[in-house]
Amino acid sequence: MTGGWRLAARNLRRNRRRNLATGMAVALGMCGLALLAAYVDRADAVLRVNAVYLQHGGQVAVYRAGGLDQAIAKPAEYSLTATEQAAVRQAAAADPRIDRVAGHLKGMGLIGNGCRSVPFAALGVDPDAHRWVLTHPEVAEYAADLAAPVRGRPLFACPEVEGRVALAAGLAALLGKTRVWDDLPEPQLPASLPDCASPTAAAAFAADANVQLAAMALDGSLAAVDADVVTIIHTPSAASENQTLQAPLPLLQRLYGTDAVTYMAIYVHRWSDVAAVAAQLRLRLGAAGVPVTVYEFTDAQINPYYAGSMTFLRSMAAVIVTIVASVVVLGVMNATTLTVYERTRELGTLRAVGFSRGQVSGLVVREVALLASLGVGAGYGLAHLAAVLVRLAQVRVAPPGVPGTVPVVLTPGLGGALLLAALLMALSLLVAWLVVRQRLRQRTAELLIAVNA
């Protein structure tokens, strides 16, 4: 430690109560901001994993041109044909940054229990891709509770059930299907039609896992298939809890009489490569004459909930950071102002013996730098302590628009903490420098005879 820093450290022992209060203000401000940054980072990770993996959207999604808006209403015109799918897979295979490509089919229809039929919105998933998604490390880390089935086994874990489907909890309740394939005795007996007017009809619905799917095929004809409920799930969005159905892609393609898919989800190895991968796919598919539109998962057109939620959270965080930083800086400014006015004669003496304004200012700024450094360091430690206490308390919250609850896990990151520390340090040093420079504008003689404190 040089002489200037040693003298600054010694000066901090003067006015210990004031310096302690100022240091605590910096520490508490740093703690709050670090926890806020950890919360926003965690929310971003949960919502991102929800959109990309649990909704099977991929980091990059490829639709036929106009398919995002028209594929459900006009599937025959706006679905990706087998030839177009092959072209997308070929373009993806040429990019080593891409981890996996999966085709998905969306559709609508009616699902019945023998007496009652309700609308469904179906998503056809590739069983291998479904297994990969639900067992992905990021899903296990950030959304394990949301990915876990409410009842039964995941679709990929039931290969012995040919017509297997997964129902959202709300849809299962509407149909009275409280049991799944694994709950029924072996061997499975064919489902019998109950007397719908009988008071025992509800019990009859729940006695088997069989449902019937009816829809209009892509050629305009009516089609129907028998299916068995193997799992009950929560959907990534509460708005779709009463209508969502998931099924293996081949089953839905058989129902709709097609080999087409609505879109292709592309998963990359690193999140930082998403924009570059999407741009490269646009170039390659455009050059090949494939009429598609490529979307990144951050696009509000394809993930409005994720984009809107993160815009709100980041805006809210920016406002809170501004308020907290302003309060901390005002505290530092007030403390520095009192210190400078109390030590006016001392500053004048330093000027009289030959110290320049810059050297005198540097001494006070060093004191503030040491105090702020101790404060941000203590604040970062407090943030980790608070995060551990929250984790031990097993606090759970219900994310808006998402069924179920998730644990609150806060992990203050070093990168974000360094940025916040740099912000608080820079602002604290700036106001300290401004305060002392303002006082040193007076002549040395005036500083020496000053009586105000």
Protein backbone atom coordinates (compact mmCIF):
# COMPACT_ATOMS: atom_id res chain seq x y z
CA MET A 1 0.00 0.00 0.00
CA THR A 2 1.47 3.35 -1.07
CA GLY A 3 1.66 6.33 1.26
CA GLY A 4 -1.52 7.92 -0.09
CA TRP A 5 -3.57 4.75 0.36
CA ARG A 6 -2.05 4.16 3.80
CA LEU A 7 -3.01 7.67 4.88
CA ALA A 8 -6.52 7.21 3.43
CA ALA A 9 -6.97 3.98 5.38
CA ARG A 10 -5.84 5.71 8.56
CA ASN A 11 -8.27 8.58 7.98
CA LEU A 12 -11.19 6.14 7.79
CA ARG A 13 -10.75 5.52 11.51
CA ARG A 14 -11.88 9.07 12.12
CA ASN A 15 -15.67 9.51 12.30
CA ARG A 16 -16.10 5.76 12.65
CA ARG A 17 -19.86 5.90 13.17
CA ARG A 18 -20.42 7.95 10.04
CA ASN A 19 -18.14 5.74 7.97
CA LEU A 20 -19.80 2.63 9.38
CA ALA A 21 -23.24 3.94 8.49
CA THR A 22 -22.08 4.90 4.99
CA GLY A 23 -20.40 1.53 4.49
CA MET A 24 -23.56 -0.26 5.62
CA ALA A 25 -25.62 1.77 3.15
CA VAL A 26 -23.30 0.73 0.33
CA ALA A 27 -23.35 -2.90 1.52
CA LEU A 28 -27.14 -3.08 1.74
CA GLY A 29 -27.50 -1.40 -1.65
CA MET A 30 -25.05 -3.87 -3.18
CA CYS A 31 -26.83 -6.80 -1.50
CA GLY A 32 -30.21 -5.73 -2.82
CA LEU A 33 -28.94 -5.14 -6.34
CA ALA A 34 -27.06 -8.45 -6.42
CA LEU A 35 -30.21 -10.32 -5.33
CA LEU A 36 -32.27 -8.43 -7.90
CA ALA A 37 -29.81 -9.37 -10.64
CA ALA A 38 -29.88 -13.00 -9.47
CA TYR A 39 -33.69 -13.01 -9.57
CA VAL A 40 -33.81 -11.57 -13.09
CA ASP A 41 -31.17 -14.06 -14.27
CA ARG A 42 -33.08 -16.96 -12.73
CA ALA A 43 -36.39 -15.79 -14.20
CA ASP A 44 -34.74 -15.48 -17.60
CA ALA A 45 -33.35 -19.00 -17.34
CA VAL A 46 -36.69 -20.51 -16.25
CA LEU A 47 -38.71 -18.71 -18.93
CA ARG A 48 -36.09 -19.46 -21.58
CA VAL A 49 -36.03 -23.18 -20.74
CA ASN A 50 -39.83 -23.16 -20.66
CA ALA A 51 -40.08 -21.63 -24.13
CA VAL A 52 -37.26 -23.57 -25.78
CA TYR A 53 -37.53 -27.01 -24.20
CA LEU A 54 -40.86 -27.54 -22.42
CA GLN A 55 -42.84 -25.95 -25.25
CA HIS A 56 -40.62 -27.77 -27.78
CA GLY A 57 -39.97 -24.50 -29.59
CA GLY A 58 -36.20 -24.81 -29.97
CA GLN A 59 -33.76 -21.91 -29.88
CA VAL A 60 -34.52 -21.51 -33.59
CA ALA A 61 -37.81 -22.45 -35.24
CA VAL A 62 -38.37 -22.91 -38.97
CA TYR A 63 -41.89 -22.45 -40.38
CA ARG A 64 -43.11 -22.46 -43.93
CA ALA A 65 -43.46 -18.88 -45.12
CA GLY A 66 -46.66 -17.61 -43.48
CA GLY A 67 -46.99 -20.81 -41.46
CA LEU A 68 -46.73 -19.17 -38.05
CA ASP A 69 -50.06 -17.42 -38.63
CA GLN A 70 -51.76 -19.76 -41.11
CA ALA A 71 -50.62 -23.33 -40.41
CA ILE A 72 -53.46 -24.15 -38.02
CA ALA A 73 -56.18 -22.66 -40.23
CA LYS A 74 -54.73 -23.92 -43.54
CA PRO A 75 -52.40 -26.80 -42.70
CA ALA A 76 -52.35 -28.24 -46.22
CA GLU A 77 -50.87 -25.01 -47.62
CA TYR A 78 -48.64 -23.87 -44.78
CA SER A 79 -47.09 -27.04 -43.37
CA LEU A 80 -43.56 -28.16 -44.16
CA THR A 81 -43.58 -31.03 -46.66
CA ALA A 82 -41.24 -34.01 -46.44
CA THR A 83 -39.01 -32.45 -49.11
CA GLU A 84 -38.80 -29.16 -47.22
CA GLN A 85 -38.07 -30.99 -43.99
CA ALA A 86 -35.20 -32.79 -45.68
CA ALA A 87 -33.83 -29.46 -46.93
CA VAL A 88 -33.94 -27.98 -43.42
CA ARG A 89 -32.19 -31.03 -41.97
CA GLN A 90 -29.53 -30.86 -44.66
CA ALA A 91 -28.88 -27.18 -43.97
CA ALA A 92 -28.74 -27.85 -40.23
CA ALA A 93 -26.37 -30.79 -40.65
CA ALA A 94 -23.84 -28.48 -42.31
CA ASP A 95 -23.64 -26.29 -39.19
CA PRO A 96 -21.63 -27.85 -36.31
CA ARG A 97 -23.17 -25.37 -33.85
CA ILE A 98 -26.51 -27.16 -34.14
CA ASP A 99 -27.13 -29.97 -31.68
CA ARG A 100 -30.48 -31.41 -32.75
CA VAL A 101 -33.39 -30.92 -35.17
CA ALA A 102 -36.93 -32.10 -34.43
CA GLY A 103 -40.15 -31.82 -36.42
CA HIS A 104 -43.42 -30.97 -34.68
CA LEU A 105 -47.01 -31.06 -35.85
CA LYS A 106 -49.74 -28.86 -34.41
CA GLY A 107 -53.42 -29.52 -34.90
CA MET A 108 -56.90 -29.19 -33.50
CA GLY A 109 -59.88 -31.48 -33.10
CA LEU A 110 -62.22 -33.07 -30.61
CA ILE A 111 -61.32 -35.52 -27.85
CA GLY A 112 -64.04 -37.66 -26.30
CA ASN A 113 -64.51 -40.06 -23.43
CA GLY A 114 -67.50 -41.89 -24.94
CA CYS A 115 -70.12 -39.41 -23.75
CA ARG A 116 -68.52 -36.00 -23.85
CA SER A 117 -66.29 -34.35 -26.42
CA VAL A 118 -64.24 -31.19 -25.93
CA PRO A 119 -61.82 -29.33 -28.22
CA PHE A 120 -58.13 -30.07 -28.05
CA ALA A 121 -54.97 -28.40 -29.33
CA ALA A 122 -52.42 -31.10 -30.09
CA LEU A 123 -48.66 -31.09 -30.40
CA GLY A 124 -46.97 -34.02 -32.06
CA VAL A 125 -43.48 -34.68 -30.71
CA ASP A 126 -40.72 -36.93 -31.92
CA PRO A 127 -40.25 -39.54 -29.12
CA ASP A 128 -36.44 -39.38 -29.25
CA ALA A 129 -36.46 -35.58 -29.22
CA HIS A 130 -39.05 -35.64 -26.42
CA ARG A 131 -36.77 -37.83 -24.32
CA TRP A 132 -33.79 -35.57 -25.02
CA VAL A 133 -35.72 -32.42 -24.11
CA LEU A 134 -37.20 -33.67 -20.82
CA THR A 135 -33.87 -35.11 -19.66
CA HIS A 136 -31.82 -32.09 -20.72
CA PRO A 137 -29.51 -30.78 -17.94
CA GLU A 138 -30.95 -27.26 -18.17
CA VAL A 139 -34.48 -28.60 -17.75
CA ALA A 140 -33.35 -30.53 -14.67
CA GLU A 141 -31.69 -27.41 -13.25
CA TYR A 142 -34.28 -24.74 -13.98
CA ALA A 143 -37.65 -26.40 -14.61
CA ALA A 144 -37.65 -29.87 -13.10
CA ASP A 145 -40.97 -29.28 -11.32
CA LEU A 146 -42.63 -27.97 -14.47
CA ALA A 147 -41.33 -30.88 -16.54
CA ALA A 148 -42.35 -33.61 -14.11
CA PRO A 149 -45.63 -35.37 -14.98
CA VAL A 150 -48.54 -34.97 -12.60
CA ARG A 151 -49.32 -38.66 -13.06
CA GLY A 152 -47.97 -41.53 -15.11
CA ARG A 153 -44.87 -41.85 -17.26
CA PRO A 154 -43.66 -39.47 -19.98
CA LEU A 155 -44.57 -40.33 -23.56
CA PHE A 156 -41.07 -41.50 -24.41
CA ALA A 157 -41.13 -43.95 -21.47
CA CYS A 158 -44.21 -45.86 -22.75
CA PRO A 159 -43.16 -47.39 -26.09
CA GLU A 160 -45.36 -50.43 -25.44
CA VAL A 161 -48.53 -48.30 -25.71
CA GLU A 162 -49.05 -47.69 -29.40
CA GLY A 163 -51.72 -44.98 -29.21
CA ARG A 164 -50.30 -43.15 -26.20
CA VAL A 165 -51.16 -39.52 -25.46
CA ALA A 166 -50.46 -37.03 -22.70
CA LEU A 167 -53.28 -34.82 -21.44
CA ALA A 168 -52.96 -31.51 -19.65
CA ALA A 169 -54.40 -31.66 -16.15
CA GLY A 170 -57.28 -29.35 -17.00
CA LEU A 171 -58.25 -31.34 -20.08
CA ALA A 172 -58.06 -34.60 -18.15
CA ALA A 173 -60.39 -33.13 -15.51
CA LEU A 174 -62.89 -32.05 -18.18
CA LEU A 175 -62.99 -35.61 -19.52
CA GLY A 176 -63.06 -37.22 -16.10
CA LYS A 177 -59.85 -39.09 -16.85
CA THR A 178 -58.23 -39.37 -13.44
CA ARG A 179 -56.40 -42.61 -14.18
CA VAL A 180 -53.60 -43.38 -16.60
CA TRP A 181 -52.44 -46.54 -18.33
CA ASP A 182 -50.20 -47.61 -15.45
CA ASP A 183 -53.08 -47.36 -12.97
CA LEU A 184 -55.13 -50.01 -14.73
CA PRO A 185 -54.86 -53.77 -14.24
CA GLU A 186 -53.07 -55.99 -16.69
CA PRO A 187 -54.07 -57.06 -19.24
CA GLN A 188 -55.92 -53.97 -20.42
CA LEU A 189 -59.54 -54.64 -21.25
CA PRO A 190 -61.31 -52.92 -24.15
CA ALA A 191 -63.15 -49.83 -23.02
CA SER A 192 -66.93 -50.14 -22.88
CA LEU A 193 -69.33 -47.29 -23.55
CA PRO A 194 -71.07 -46.21 -20.32
CA ASP A 195 -74.65 -45.10 -19.99
CA CYS A 196 -74.08 -41.35 -20.19
CA ALA A 197 -77.26 -40.60 -18.22
CA SER A 198 -76.32 -42.94 -15.41
CA PRO A 199 -75.15 -41.48 -12.09
CA THR A 200 -72.22 -43.91 -12.32
CA ALA A 201 -71.05 -42.48 -15.65
CA ALA A 202 -68.31 -40.35 -14.05
CA ALA A 203 -66.87 -43.42 -12.34
CA ALA A 204 -67.03 -45.29 -15.65
CA PHE A 205 -65.04 -42.53 -17.40
CA ALA A 206 -62.34 -42.77 -14.76
CA ALA A 207 -62.26 -46.58 -14.93
CA ASP A 208 -60.17 -46.62 -18.10
CA ALA A 209 -57.56 -44.51 -19.82
CA ASN A 210 -59.11 -44.68 -23.28
CA VAL A 211 -60.05 -41.58 -25.29
CA GLN A 212 -61.08 -40.96 -28.87
CA LEU A 213 -59.53 -38.29 -31.09
CA ALA A 214 -61.46 -36.88 -34.03
CA ALA A 215 -60.21 -34.26 -36.48
CA MET A 216 -60.33 -33.10 -40.06
CA ALA A 217 -57.46 -34.50 -42.09
CA LEU A 218 -55.43 -32.25 -44.36
CA ASP A 219 -57.35 -33.54 -47.39
CA GLY A 220 -60.63 -32.39 -45.83
CA SER A 221 -61.92 -35.80 -44.76
CA LEU A 222 -62.93 -36.73 -41.23
CA ALA A 223 -60.60 -39.02 -39.27
CA ALA A 224 -60.54 -40.59 -35.83
CA VAL A 225 -58.17 -42.71 -33.77
CA ASP A 226 -58.34 -44.46 -30.41
CA ALA A 227 -55.75 -43.40 -27.85
CA ASP A 228 -54.75 -44.22 -24.29
CA VAL A 229 -53.74 -41.67 -21.67
CA VAL A 230 -50.33 -42.60 -20.32
CA THR A 231 -49.51 -39.38 -18.51
CA ILE A 232 -51.14 -36.22 -17.15
CA ILE A 233 -49.00 -33.11 -17.35
CA HIS A 234 -48.99 -29.43 -16.58
CA THR A 235 -48.59 -27.22 -19.62
CA PRO A 236 -46.02 -24.41 -19.78
CA SER A 237 -48.90 -21.92 -19.95
CA ALA A 238 -51.98 -21.78 -17.74
CA ALA A 239 -54.02 -20.53 -20.70
CA SER A 240 -53.64 -23.90 -22.46
CA GLU A 241 -54.23 -26.13 -19.43
CA ASN A 242 -57.78 -27.08 -20.49
CA GLN A 243 -57.04 -28.03 -24.09
CA THR A 244 -53.49 -29.28 -24.57
CA LEU A 245 -52.74 -32.77 -25.78
CA GLN A 246 -49.34 -34.20 -26.65
CA ALA A 247 -48.84 -37.29 -28.75
CA PRO A 248 -46.06 -39.02 -30.69
CA LEU A 249 -45.61 -37.38 -34.08
CA PRO A 250 -46.53 -40.55 -36.05
CA LEU A 251 -49.89 -40.81 -34.24
CA LEU A 252 -50.90 -37.25 -35.11
CA GLN A 253 -49.66 -37.61 -38.67
CA ARG A 254 -51.88 -40.67 -38.98
CA LEU A 255 -54.84 -38.73 -37.56
CA TYR A 256 -54.34 -35.83 -39.98
CA GLY A 257 -53.33 -38.08 -42.90
CA THR A 258 -50.04 -36.34 -43.63
CA ASP A 259 -46.28 -36.67 -43.46
CA ALA A 260 -45.90 -32.90 -43.05
CA VAL A 261 -44.96 -30.98 -39.89
CA THR A 262 -45.97 -27.52 -38.74
CA TYR A 263 -42.47 -26.41 -37.83
CA MET A 264 -39.00 -27.69 -37.10
CA ALA A 265 -37.33 -26.91 -33.80
CA ILE A 266 -33.57 -26.46 -33.89
CA TYR A 267 -31.45 -26.72 -30.76
CA VAL A 268 -27.93 -25.29 -30.62
CA HIS A 269 -25.04 -26.19 -28.36
CA ARG A 270 -24.49 -22.67 -27.04
CA TRP A 271 -27.05 -19.95 -26.40
CA SER A 272 -24.64 -17.32 -27.70
CA ASP A 273 -24.78 -18.90 -31.18
CA VAL A 274 -28.55 -18.56 -31.65
CA ALA A 275 -28.51 -15.38 -33.73
CA ALA A 276 -25.63 -16.56 -35.92
CA VAL A 277 -27.22 -19.97 -36.50
CA ALA A 278 -30.55 -18.40 -37.44
CA ALA A 279 -28.84 -16.01 -39.87
CA GLN A 280 -26.89 -18.85 -41.48
CA LEU A 281 -30.03 -20.96 -41.89
CA ARG A 282 -31.82 -18.06 -43.58
CA LEU A 283 -28.98 -17.73 -46.06
CA ARG A 284 -28.72 -21.45 -46.84
CA LEU A 285 -32.44 -22.11 -47.12
CA GLY A 286 -32.98 -18.94 -49.12
CA ALA A 287 -30.22 -19.94 -51.53
CA ALA A 288 -31.83 -23.39 -51.87
CA GLY A 289 -35.18 -21.81 -52.71
CA VAL A 290 -36.98 -23.29 -49.70
CA PRO A 291 -39.96 -21.01 -48.81
CA VAL A 292 -39.49 -20.79 -45.04
CA THR A 293 -39.26 -18.21 -42.28
CA VAL A 294 -36.65 -18.65 -39.53
CA TYR A 295 -37.40 -17.32 -36.04
CA GLU A 296 -35.19 -16.95 -32.98
CA PHE A 297 -36.77 -17.88 -29.66
CA THR A 298 -36.47 -14.26 -28.46
CA ASP A 299 -38.81 -13.09 -31.22
CA ALA A 300 -42.06 -11.77 -29.74
CA GLN A 301 -44.00 -13.28 -32.67
CA ILE A 302 -43.11 -16.80 -31.63
CA ASN A 303 -42.66 -16.42 -27.86
CA PRO A 304 -44.72 -13.38 -26.82
CA TYR A 305 -44.87 -14.47 -23.18
CA TYR A 306 -41.10 -14.81 -22.87
CA ALA A 307 -40.36 -11.58 -24.74
CA GLY A 308 -42.98 -9.59 -22.83
CA SER A 309 -42.03 -10.97 -19.42
CA MET A 310 -38.33 -10.31 -19.88
CA THR A 311 -38.95 -6.80 -21.23
CA PHE A 312 -41.02 -6.04 -18.14
CA LEU A 313 -38.51 -7.59 -15.73
CA ARG A 314 -35.55 -5.78 -17.26
CA SER A 315 -37.41 -2.47 -17.26
CA MET A 316 -38.41 -2.97 -13.63
CA ALA A 317 -34.83 -3.93 -12.71
CA ALA A 318 -33.47 -0.82 -14.43
CA VAL A 319 -35.81 1.41 -12.43
CA ILE A 320 -34.90 -0.30 -9.15
CA VAL A 321 -31.17 -0.13 -9.90
CA THR A 322 -31.51 3.59 -10.62
CA ILE A 323 -33.37 4.22 -7.36
CA VAL A 324 -31.07 2.12 -5.16
CA ALA A 325 -27.90 3.49 -6.77
CA SER A 326 -29.19 7.04 -6.31
CA VAL A 327 -29.90 6.45 -2.61
CA VAL A 328 -26.46 4.90 -2.07
CA VAL A 329 -24.70 7.69 -3.93
CA LEU A 330 -26.61 10.37 -2.03
CA GLY A 331 -25.49 8.73 1.20
CA VAL A 332 -21.88 8.74 0.06
CA MET A 333 -22.19 12.37 -1.08
CA ASN A 334 -23.62 13.50 2.25
CA ALA A 335 -20.93 11.70 4.23
CA THR A 336 -18.18 13.09 1.98
CA THR A 337 -19.60 16.60 2.23
CA LEU A 338 -19.57 16.46 6.05
CA THR A 339 -16.06 15.04 6.05
CA VAL A 340 -14.72 17.69 3.70
CA TYR A 341 -16.33 20.57 5.62
CA GLU A 342 -15.09 19.27 8.95
CA ARG A 343 -11.56 18.94 7.57
CA THR A 344 -11.47 22.22 5.63
CA ARG A 345 -8.50 23.60 7.60
CA GLU A 346 -6.67 20.32 7.17
CA LEU A 347 -7.18 20.52 3.42
CA GLY A 348 -6.01 24.13 3.46
CA THR A 349 -2.88 23.10 5.36
CA LEU A 350 -2.09 20.45 2.77
CA ARG A 351 -2.49 23.05 0.02
CA ALA A 352 -0.26 25.48 1.96
CA VAL A 353 2.61 22.99 2.25
CA GLY A 354 2.64 22.35 -1.47
CA PHE A 355 0.01 19.68 -2.26
CA SER A 356 -1.80 20.27 -5.54
CA ARG A 357 -5.59 20.25 -5.81
CA GLY A 358 -5.35 16.89 -7.55
CA GLN A 359 -3.30 15.38 -4.74
CA VAL A 360 -5.65 16.65 -2.04
CA SER A 361 -8.70 15.47 -4.02
CA GLY A 362 -7.02 12.12 -4.57
CA LEU A 363 -6.61 11.62 -0.83
CA VAL A 364 -10.34 12.06 -0.16
CA VAL A 365 -11.28 9.99 -3.20
CA ARG A 366 -9.02 7.18 -1.93
CA GLU A 367 -10.86 7.19 1.37
CA VAL A 368 -14.20 6.87 -0.42
CA ALA A 369 -12.76 4.17 -2.68
CA LEU A 370 -11.66 2.08 0.31
CA LEU A 371 -14.99 2.59 2.07
CA ALA A 372 -17.03 1.74 -1.05
CA SER A 373 -14.85 -1.32 -1.76
CA LEU A 374 -15.45 -2.67 1.73
CA GLY A 375 -19.17 -1.95 1.33
CA VAL A 376 -19.63 -3.72 -2.01
CA GLY A 377 -17.57 -6.68 -0.83
CA ALA A 378 -19.66 -7.02 2.32
CA GLY A 379 -22.84 -6.55 0.26
CA TYR A 380 -21.88 -9.37 -2.10
CA GLY A 381 -21.26 -11.62 0.88
CA LEU A 382 -24.64 -10.65 2.39
CA ALA A 383 -26.33 -11.44 -0.93
CA HIS A 384 -24.91 -14.97 -0.88
CA LEU A 385 -25.98 -15.41 2.73
CA ALA A 386 -29.52 -14.24 1.91
CA ALA A 387 -29.62 -16.58 -1.10
CA VAL A 388 -28.66 -19.53 1.10
CA LEU A 389 -31.33 -18.64 3.67
CA VAL A 390 -34.00 -18.41 0.93
CA ARG A 391 -32.94 -21.80 -0.40
CA LEU A 392 -33.04 -23.37 3.06
CA ALA A 393 -36.49 -21.87 3.66
CA GLN A 394 -37.68 -23.66 0.48
CA VAL A 395 -39.65 -20.66 -0.70
CA ARG A 396 -41.86 -21.42 -3.72
CA VAL A 397 -43.70 -19.05 -6.03
CA ALA A 398 -46.26 -19.45 -8.79
CA PRO A 399 -44.88 -17.76 -11.92
CA PRO A 400 -47.54 -15.62 -13.61
CA GLY A 401 -49.26 -17.52 -16.40
CA VAL A 402 -47.55 -20.82 -15.54
CA PRO A 403 -49.43 -23.62 -13.71
CA GLY A 404 -47.80 -25.00 -10.60
CA THR A 405 -45.06 -23.54 -8.44
CA VAL A 406 -41.29 -23.40 -8.70
CA PRO A 407 -38.69 -23.01 -5.94
CA VAL A 408 -37.04 -19.63 -5.51
CA VAL A 409 -33.34 -20.21 -6.16
CA LEU A 410 -31.11 -17.15 -6.15
CA THR A 411 -27.47 -17.43 -7.16
CA PRO A 412 -25.71 -14.05 -7.27
CA GLY A 413 -23.35 -14.27 -10.23
CA LEU A 414 -19.84 -12.90 -10.15
CA GLY A 415 -20.15 -11.19 -13.54
CA GLY A 416 -23.29 -9.27 -12.60
CA ALA A 417 -21.85 -8.44 -9.18
CA LEU A 418 -18.73 -6.96 -10.77
CA LEU A 419 -20.84 -4.76 -13.04
CA LEU A 420 -22.94 -3.54 -10.11
CA ALA A 421 -19.84 -2.99 -7.99
CA ALA A 422 -18.25 -1.01 -10.81
CA LEU A 423 -21.41 1.12 -11.09
CA LEU A 424 -21.59 1.90 -7.38
CA MET A 425 -17.84 2.50 -7.15
CA ALA A 426 -17.78 4.79 -10.16
CA LEU A 427 -20.72 6.87 -8.95
CA SER A 428 -19.35 7.06 -5.40
CA LEU A 429 -15.92 8.20 -6.59
CA LEU A 430 -17.46 10.71 -8.95
CA VAL A 431 -19.57 12.42 -6.30
CA ALA A 432 -16.65 12.37 -3.84
CA TRP A 433 -14.41 14.03 -6.41
CA LEU A 434 -17.06 16.65 -7.23
CA VAL A 435 -17.59 17.49 -3.55
CA VAL A 436 -13.92 17.92 -2.70
CA ARG A 437 -13.12 19.79 -5.91
CA GLN A 438 -15.95 22.19 -5.17
CA ARG A 439 -14.48 22.91 -1.74
CA LEU A 440 -10.94 23.27 -3.06
CA ARG A 441 -11.99 26.01 -5.46
CA GLN A 442 -11.61 28.39 -2.53
CA ARG A 443 -8.29 30.11 -1.98
CA THR A 444 -5.88 28.46 0.41
CA ALA A 445 -6.11 31.35 2.85
CA GLU A 446 -9.87 30.98 3.03
CA LEU A 447 -9.51 27.27 3.71
CA LEU A 448 -7.07 27.94 6.54
CA ILE A 449 -9.36 30.35 8.39
CA ALA A 450 -12.64 28.48 7.75
CA VAL A 451 -14.66 27.92 10.92
CA ASN A 452 -17.66 26.04 9.55
CA ALA A 453 -17.95 22.30 10.16
